[in-house]
């Protein structure tokens, strides 16, 4: 039959408690400060994860960081759209490839920067500024180039003179040595002849 007033009041109280819990959870989920806090925690976890993957971690620290990053990722999964998901997958793949190699990570970051800068066209002001820099470099650099050329020519002339003198000294020394060997050889021949004739 019908329910007693006590049963109805208990059901109403239970429903009220359930609704209060649901409203509190919904309010926490939709509160701007709570959203910001969840995003900050997720970003902090990702940065720590990337740092640990790039620099390497101790065994225990690595597993606890992975757990924290995984839970933060799960809590932020509702807010990530497909483009961010794809970008995250790409970054994760790159992170996995450079884990524990800071130099490789730096090279990857440098390469990514070069690619991004190549994709962004230079503004008109940047082009004008680059033109001014090139003109100033030509104007101020030409005397330095001329001076370097003059010094290089002087050094080349000195080296040529030194090399010519050294070559002449070697030639004279070789001629003297040849004459000495010839004279010693001749005296040796004469000595052997005199000994065989006697």
C-alpha atoms as a PDB file:
ATOM      1  CA  UNK A   1       0.000   0.000   0.000  1.00  0.00           C
ATOM      2  CA  UNK A   2       1.165   3.435   0.825  1.00  0.00           C
ATOM      3  CA  UNK A   3       4.349   4.386   2.525  1.00  0.00           C
ATOM      4  CA  UNK A   4       4.471   5.717   5.998  1.00  0.00           C
ATOM      5  CA  UNK A   5       5.476   9.284   6.642  1.00  0.00           C
ATOM      6  CA  UNK A   6       8.712   8.148   8.238  1.00  0.00           C
ATOM      7  CA  UNK A   7       9.678   6.186   5.118  1.00  0.00           C
ATOM      8  CA  UNK A   8       8.829   9.139   2.882  1.00  0.00           C
ATOM      9  CA  UNK A   9      10.878  11.490   5.050  1.00  0.00           C
ATOM     10  CA  UNK A  10      13.839   9.081   4.960  1.00  0.00           C
ATOM     11  CA  UNK A  11      13.626   8.822   1.156  1.00  0.00           C
ATOM     12  CA  UNK A  12      13.340  12.598   0.842  1.00  0.00           C
ATOM     13  CA  UNK A  13      16.367  13.048   3.125  1.00  0.00           C
ATOM     14  CA  UNK A  14      18.350  10.459   1.145  1.00  0.00           C
ATOM     15  CA  UNK A  15      17.428  12.132  -2.158  1.00  0.00           C
ATOM     16  CA  UNK A  16      18.333  15.533  -0.709  1.00  0.00           C
ATOM     17  CA  UNK A  17      21.741  14.203   0.447  1.00  0.00           C
ATOM     18  CA  UNK A  18      22.388  12.644  -2.971  1.00  0.00           C
ATOM     19  CA  UNK A  19      21.402  15.846  -4.772  1.00  0.00           C
ATOM     20  CA  UNK A  20      23.603  17.936  -2.454  1.00  0.00           C
ATOM     21  CA  UNK A  21      26.594  15.701  -3.192  1.00  0.00           C
ATOM     22  CA  UNK A  22      25.915  15.883  -6.948  1.00  0.00           C
ATOM     23  CA  UNK A  23      25.476  19.674  -6.890  1.00  0.00           C
ATOM     24  CA  UNK A  24      28.703  20.094  -4.858  1.00  0.00           C
ATOM     25  CA  UNK A  25      30.623  17.871  -7.293  1.00  0.00           C
ATOM     26  CA  UNK A  26      29.168  19.747 -10.274  1.00  0.00           C
ATOM     27  CA  UNK A  27      29.974  23.111  -8.679  1.00  0.00           C
ATOM     28  CA  UNK A  28      33.556  21.962  -7.987  1.00  0.00           C
ATOM     29  CA  UNK A  29      33.874  20.708 -11.551  1.00  0.00           C
ATOM     30  CA  UNK A  30      32.580  23.976 -13.044  1.00  0.00           C
ATOM     31  CA  UNK A  31      34.234  26.439 -10.650  1.00  0.00           C
ATOM     32  CA  UNK A  32      36.760  28.616 -12.540  1.00  0.00           C
ATOM     33  CA  UNK A  33      39.274  28.458  -9.701  1.00  0.00           C
ATOM     34  CA  UNK A  34      38.994  24.659  -9.549  1.00  0.00           C
ATOM     35  CA  UNK A  35      39.418  24.425 -13.337  1.00  0.00           C
ATOM     36  CA  UNK A  36      42.499  26.653 -13.183  1.00  0.00           C
ATOM     37  CA  UNK A  37      43.931  24.594 -10.334  1.00  0.00           C
ATOM     38  CA  UNK A  38      43.377  21.317 -12.216  1.00  0.00           C
ATOM     39  CA  UNK A  39      45.001  22.773 -15.339  1.00  0.00           C
ATOM     40  CA  UNK A  40      47.983  24.062 -13.334  1.00  0.00           C
ATOM     41  CA  UNK A  41      48.447  20.675 -11.697  1.00  0.00           C
ATOM     42  CA  UNK A  42      48.211  18.887 -15.055  1.00  0.00           C
ATOM     43  CA  UNK A  43      50.731  21.269 -16.656  1.00  0.00           C
ATOM     44  CA  UNK A  44      53.071  20.943 -13.682  1.00  0.00           C
ATOM     45  CA  UNK A  45      52.883  17.162 -13.943  1.00  0.00           C
ATOM     46  CA  UNK A  46      53.582  17.233 -17.691  1.00  0.00           C
ATOM     47  CA  UNK A  47      56.590  19.533 -17.223  1.00  0.00           C
ATOM     48  CA  UNK A  48      57.990  17.302 -14.502  1.00  0.00           C
ATOM     49  CA  UNK A  49      57.380  14.262 -16.690  1.00  0.00           C
ATOM     50  CA  UNK A  50      59.152  15.827 -19.659  1.00  0.00           C
ATOM     51  CA  UNK A  51      62.053  16.945 -17.483  1.00  0.00           C
ATOM     52  CA  UNK A  52      62.407  13.486 -15.997  1.00  0.00           C
ATOM     53  CA  UNK A  53      62.230  11.819 -19.399  1.00  0.00           C
ATOM     54  CA  UNK A  54      64.812  14.155 -20.911  1.00  0.00           C
ATOM     55  CA  UNK A  55      67.227  14.240 -17.992  1.00  0.00           C
ATOM     56  CA  UNK A  56      66.604  10.702 -16.783  1.00  0.00           C
ATOM     57  CA  UNK A  57      65.309   9.706 -13.370  1.00  0.00           C
ATOM     58  CA  UNK A  58      66.075   7.411 -10.507  1.00  0.00           C
ATOM     59  CA  UNK A  59      63.950   4.250 -10.571  1.00  0.00           C
ATOM     60  CA  UNK A  60      61.600   5.105  -7.677  1.00  0.00           C
ATOM     61  CA  UNK A  61      61.162   8.740  -8.616  1.00  0.00           C
ATOM     62  CA  UNK A  62      60.382   7.834 -12.223  1.00  0.00           C
ATOM     63  CA  UNK A  63      57.547   5.496 -11.331  1.00  0.00           C
ATOM     64  CA  UNK A  64      55.910   7.950  -8.889  1.00  0.00           C
ATOM     65  CA  UNK A  65      56.115  10.766 -11.430  1.00  0.00           C
ATOM     66  CA  UNK A  66      54.587   8.563 -14.110  1.00  0.00           C
ATOM     67  CA  UNK A  67      51.693   7.755 -11.790  1.00  0.00           C
ATOM     68  CA  UNK A  68      51.112  11.426 -10.994  1.00  0.00           C
ATOM     69  CA  UNK A  69      51.309  12.400 -14.662  1.00  0.00           C
ATOM     70  CA  UNK A  70      48.888   9.630 -15.587  1.00  0.00           C
ATOM     71  CA  UNK A  71      46.297  10.689 -12.982  1.00  0.00           C
ATOM     72  CA  UNK A  72      46.645  14.346 -13.977  1.00  0.00           C
ATOM     73  CA  UNK A  73      46.165  13.359 -17.599  1.00  0.00           C
ATOM     74  CA  UNK A  74      43.048  11.402 -16.718  1.00  0.00           C
ATOM     75  CA  UNK A  75      41.542  14.318 -14.794  1.00  0.00           C
ATOM     76  CA  UNK A  76      42.211  16.756 -17.657  1.00  0.00           C
ATOM     77  CA  UNK A  77      41.134  14.399 -20.450  1.00  0.00           C
ATOM     78  CA  UNK A  78      37.639  15.943 -20.719  1.00  0.00           C
ATOM     79  CA  UNK A  79      39.085  19.359 -21.587  1.00  0.00           C
ATOM     80  CA  UNK A  80      41.496  18.246 -24.319  1.00  0.00           C
ATOM     81  CA  UNK A  81      40.201  18.348 -27.903  1.00  0.00           C
ATOM     82  CA  UNK A  82      41.461  16.187 -30.766  1.00  0.00           C
ATOM     83  CA  UNK A  83      44.038  18.695 -32.023  1.00  0.00           C
ATOM     84  CA  UNK A  84      45.638  18.983 -28.622  1.00  0.00           C
ATOM     85  CA  UNK A  85      45.525  15.209 -28.325  1.00  0.00           C
ATOM     86  CA  UNK A  86      47.381  14.782 -31.591  1.00  0.00           C
ATOM     87  CA  UNK A  87      49.961  17.388 -30.591  1.00  0.00           C
ATOM     88  CA  UNK A  88      50.377  15.677 -27.222  1.00  0.00           C
ATOM     89  CA  UNK A  89      50.915  12.318 -28.932  1.00  0.00           C
ATOM     90  CA  UNK A  90      53.548  13.859 -31.187  1.00  0.00           C
ATOM     91  CA  UNK A  91      55.311  15.452 -28.225  1.00  0.00           C
ATOM     92  CA  UNK A  92      55.138  12.183 -26.290  1.00  0.00           C
ATOM     93  CA  UNK A  93      56.675  10.311 -29.190  1.00  0.00           C
ATOM     94  CA  UNK A  94      59.484  12.852 -29.414  1.00  0.00           C
ATOM     95  CA  UNK A  95      59.961  12.684 -25.643  1.00  0.00           C
ATOM     96  CA  UNK A  96      60.207   8.900 -25.733  1.00  0.00           C
ATOM     97  CA  UNK A  97      62.882   9.096 -28.419  1.00  0.00           C
ATOM     98  CA  UNK A  98      65.070  11.567 -26.510  1.00  0.00           C
ATOM     99  CA  UNK A  99      64.579  10.151 -23.018  1.00  0.00           C
ATOM    100  CA  UNK A 100      67.729  10.618 -20.989  1.00  0.00           C
ATOM    101  CA  UNK A 101      69.534  12.524 -23.745  1.00  0.00           C
ATOM    102  CA  UNK A 102      69.578  16.288 -23.027  1.00  0.00           C
ATOM    103  CA  UNK A 103      71.794  17.067 -26.007  1.00  0.00           C
ATOM    104  CA  UNK A 104      69.419  15.269 -28.355  1.00  0.00           C
ATOM    105  CA  UNK A 105      66.499  17.086 -26.754  1.00  0.00           C
ATOM    106  CA  UNK A 106      68.254  20.409 -27.327  1.00  0.00           C
ATOM    107  CA  UNK A 107      68.877  19.540 -30.960  1.00  0.00           C
ATOM    108  CA  UNK A 108      65.239  18.518 -31.424  1.00  0.00           C
ATOM    109  CA  UNK A 109      64.093  21.790 -29.827  1.00  0.00           C
ATOM    110  CA  UNK A 110      66.493  23.791 -32.003  1.00  0.00           C
ATOM    111  CA  UNK A 111      65.266  21.982 -35.122  1.00  0.00           C
ATOM    112  CA  UNK A 112      61.651  22.619 -34.165  1.00  0.00           C
ATOM    113  CA  UNK A 113      62.464  26.307 -33.675  1.00  0.00           C
ATOM    114  CA  UNK A 114      64.142  26.520 -37.066  1.00  0.00           C
ATOM    115  CA  UNK A 115      61.144  24.884 -38.735  1.00  0.00           C
ATOM    116  CA  UNK A 116      58.675  27.175 -36.989  1.00  0.00           C
ATOM    117  CA  UNK A 117      60.728  30.263 -37.827  1.00  0.00           C
ATOM    118  CA  UNK A 118      60.937  29.184 -41.461  1.00  0.00           C
ATOM    119  CA  UNK A 119      57.160  28.832 -41.610  1.00  0.00           C
ATOM    120  CA  UNK A 120      56.539  32.315 -40.237  1.00  0.00           C
ATOM    121  CA  UNK A 121      57.250  34.929 -42.904  1.00  0.00           C
ATOM    122  CA  UNK A 122      59.389  37.918 -41.947  1.00  0.00           C
ATOM    123  CA  UNK A 123      57.492  41.135 -41.377  1.00  0.00           C
ATOM    124  CA  UNK A 124      58.232  44.213 -43.436  1.00  0.00           C
ATOM    125  CA  UNK A 125      59.970  45.859 -40.484  1.00  0.00           C
ATOM    126  CA  UNK A 126      62.173  42.803 -39.992  1.00  0.00           C
ATOM    127  CA  UNK A 127      63.123  42.776 -43.676  1.00  0.00           C
ATOM    128  CA  UNK A 128      64.020  46.480 -43.566  1.00  0.00           C
ATOM    129  CA  UNK A 129      66.023  45.984 -40.352  1.00  0.00           C
ATOM    130  CA  UNK A 130      67.866  43.006 -41.888  1.00  0.00           C
ATOM    131  CA  UNK A 131      68.688  45.158 -44.944  1.00  0.00           C
ATOM    132  CA  UNK A 132      70.119  47.883 -42.717  1.00  0.00           C
ATOM    133  CA  UNK A 133      72.223  45.336 -40.834  1.00  0.00           C
ATOM    134  CA  UNK A 134      73.605  43.903 -44.088  1.00  0.00           C
ATOM    135  CA  UNK A 135      74.416  47.377 -45.432  1.00  0.00           C
ATOM    136  CA  UNK A 136      76.128  48.374 -42.173  1.00  0.00           C
ATOM    137  CA  UNK A 137      78.112  45.139 -42.157  1.00  0.00           C
ATOM    138  CA  UNK A 138      79.283  45.750 -45.721  1.00  0.00           C
ATOM    139  CA  UNK A 139      80.170  49.356 -44.952  1.00  0.00           C
ATOM    140  CA  UNK A 140      82.043  48.635 -41.727  1.00  0.00           C
ATOM    141  CA  UNK A 141      83.389  45.260 -42.772  1.00  0.00           C
ATOM    142  CA  UNK A 142      85.062  46.286 -46.061  1.00  0.00           C
ATOM    143  CA  UNK A 143      88.032  48.067 -44.418  1.00  0.00           C
ATOM    144  CA  UNK A 144      88.576  44.989 -42.266  1.00  0.00           C
ATOM    145  CA  UNK A 145      88.469  42.737 -45.326  1.00  0.00           C
ATOM    146  CA  UNK A 146      90.957  44.978 -47.147  1.00  0.00           C
ATOM    147  CA  UNK A 147      93.275  45.019 -44.145  1.00  0.00           C
ATOM    148  CA  UNK A 148      93.055  41.226 -43.772  1.00  0.00           C
ATOM    149  CA  UNK A 149      93.829  40.815 -47.476  1.00  0.00           C
ATOM    150  CA  UNK A 150      96.871  43.111 -47.159  1.00  0.00           C
ATOM    151  CA  UNK A 151      98.162  41.239 -44.100  1.00  0.00           C
ATOM    152  CA  UNK A 152      97.619  37.903 -45.843  1.00  0.00           C
ATOM    153  CA  UNK A 153      99.590  39.125 -48.884  1.00  0.00           C
ATOM    154  CA  UNK A 154     102.437  40.349 -46.648  1.00  0.00           C
ATOM    155  CA  UNK A 155     102.550  37.045 -44.810  1.00  0.00           C
ATOM    156  CA  UNK A 156     102.497  35.140 -48.108  1.00  0.00           C
ATOM    157  CA  UNK A 157     105.417  37.232 -49.403  1.00  0.00           C
ATOM    158  CA  UNK A 158     107.414  36.622 -46.229  1.00  0.00           C
ATOM    159  CA  UNK A 159     106.677  32.905 -46.324  1.00  0.00           C
ATOM    160  CA  UNK A 160     107.692  32.792 -49.995  1.00  0.00           C
ATOM    161  CA  UNK A 161     110.984  34.561 -49.233  1.00  0.00           C
ATOM    162  CA  UNK A 162     111.660  32.282 -46.269  1.00  0.00           C
ATOM    163  CA  UNK A 163     110.809  29.188 -48.301  1.00  0.00           C
ATOM    164  CA  UNK A 164     113.062  30.341 -51.168  1.00  0.00           C
ATOM    165  CA  UNK A 165     115.951  30.939 -48.771  1.00  0.00           C
ATOM    166  CA  UNK A 166     115.405  27.558 -47.095  1.00  0.00           C
ATOM    167  CA  UNK A 167     115.300  25.831 -50.487  1.00  0.00           C
ATOM    168  CA  UNK A 168     118.540  27.561 -51.536  1.00  0.00           C
ATOM    169  CA  UNK A 169     120.211  26.538 -48.268  1.00  0.00           C
ATOM    170  CA  UNK A 170     119.105  22.929 -48.787  1.00  0.00           C
ATOM    171  CA  UNK A 171     120.401  23.029 -52.376  1.00  0.00           C
ATOM    172  CA  UNK A 172     123.764  24.463 -51.283  1.00  0.00           C
ATOM    173  CA  UNK A 173     124.017  21.944 -48.461  1.00  0.00           C
ATOM    174  CA  UNK A 174     123.169  19.111 -50.845  1.00  0.00           C
ATOM    175  CA  UNK A 175     125.794  20.329 -53.329  1.00  0.00           C
ATOM    176  CA  UNK A 176     128.416  20.586 -50.571  1.00  0.00           C
ATOM    177  CA  UNK A 177     127.487  17.127 -49.305  1.00  0.00           C
ATOM    178  CA  UNK A 178     127.652  15.688 -52.806  1.00  0.00           C
ATOM    179  CA  UNK A 179     131.072  17.245 -53.351  1.00  0.00           C
ATOM    180  CA  UNK A 180     132.255  15.888 -49.994  1.00  0.00           C
ATOM    181  CA  UNK A 181     130.941  12.404 -50.771  1.00  0.00           C
ATOM    182  CA  UNK A 182     132.530  12.539 -54.225  1.00  0.00           C
ATOM    183  CA  UNK A 183     135.882  13.649 -52.863  1.00  0.00           C
ATOM    184  CA  UNK A 184     135.798  11.059 -50.064  1.00  0.00           C
ATOM    185  CA  UNK A 185     134.781   8.414 -52.566  1.00  0.00           C
ATOM    186  CA  UNK A 186     137.635   9.401 -54.875  1.00  0.00           C
ATOM    187  CA  UNK A 187     140.132   9.363 -52.038  1.00  0.00           C
ATOM    188  CA  UNK A 188     138.811   5.954 -51.003  1.00  0.00           C
ATOM    189  CA  UNK A 189     139.253   4.681 -54.562  1.00  0.00           C
ATOM    190  CA  UNK A 190     142.769   6.106 -54.715  1.00  0.00           C
ATOM    191  CA  UNK A 191     143.624   4.506 -51.393  1.00  0.00           C
ATOM    192  CA  UNK A 192     142.328   1.124 -52.515  1.00  0.00           C
ATOM    193  CA  UNK A 193     144.300   1.404 -55.780  1.00  0.00           C
ATOM    194  CA  UNK A 194     147.466   2.257 -53.930  1.00  0.00           C
ATOM    195  CA  UNK A 195     147.008  -0.697 -51.609  1.00  0.00           C
ATOM    196  CA  UNK A 196     146.351  -3.116 -54.450  1.00  0.00           C
ATOM    197  CA  UNK A 197     149.350  -1.904 -56.413  1.00  0.00           C
ATOM    198  CA  UNK A 198     151.684  -2.385 -53.530  1.00  0.00           C
END
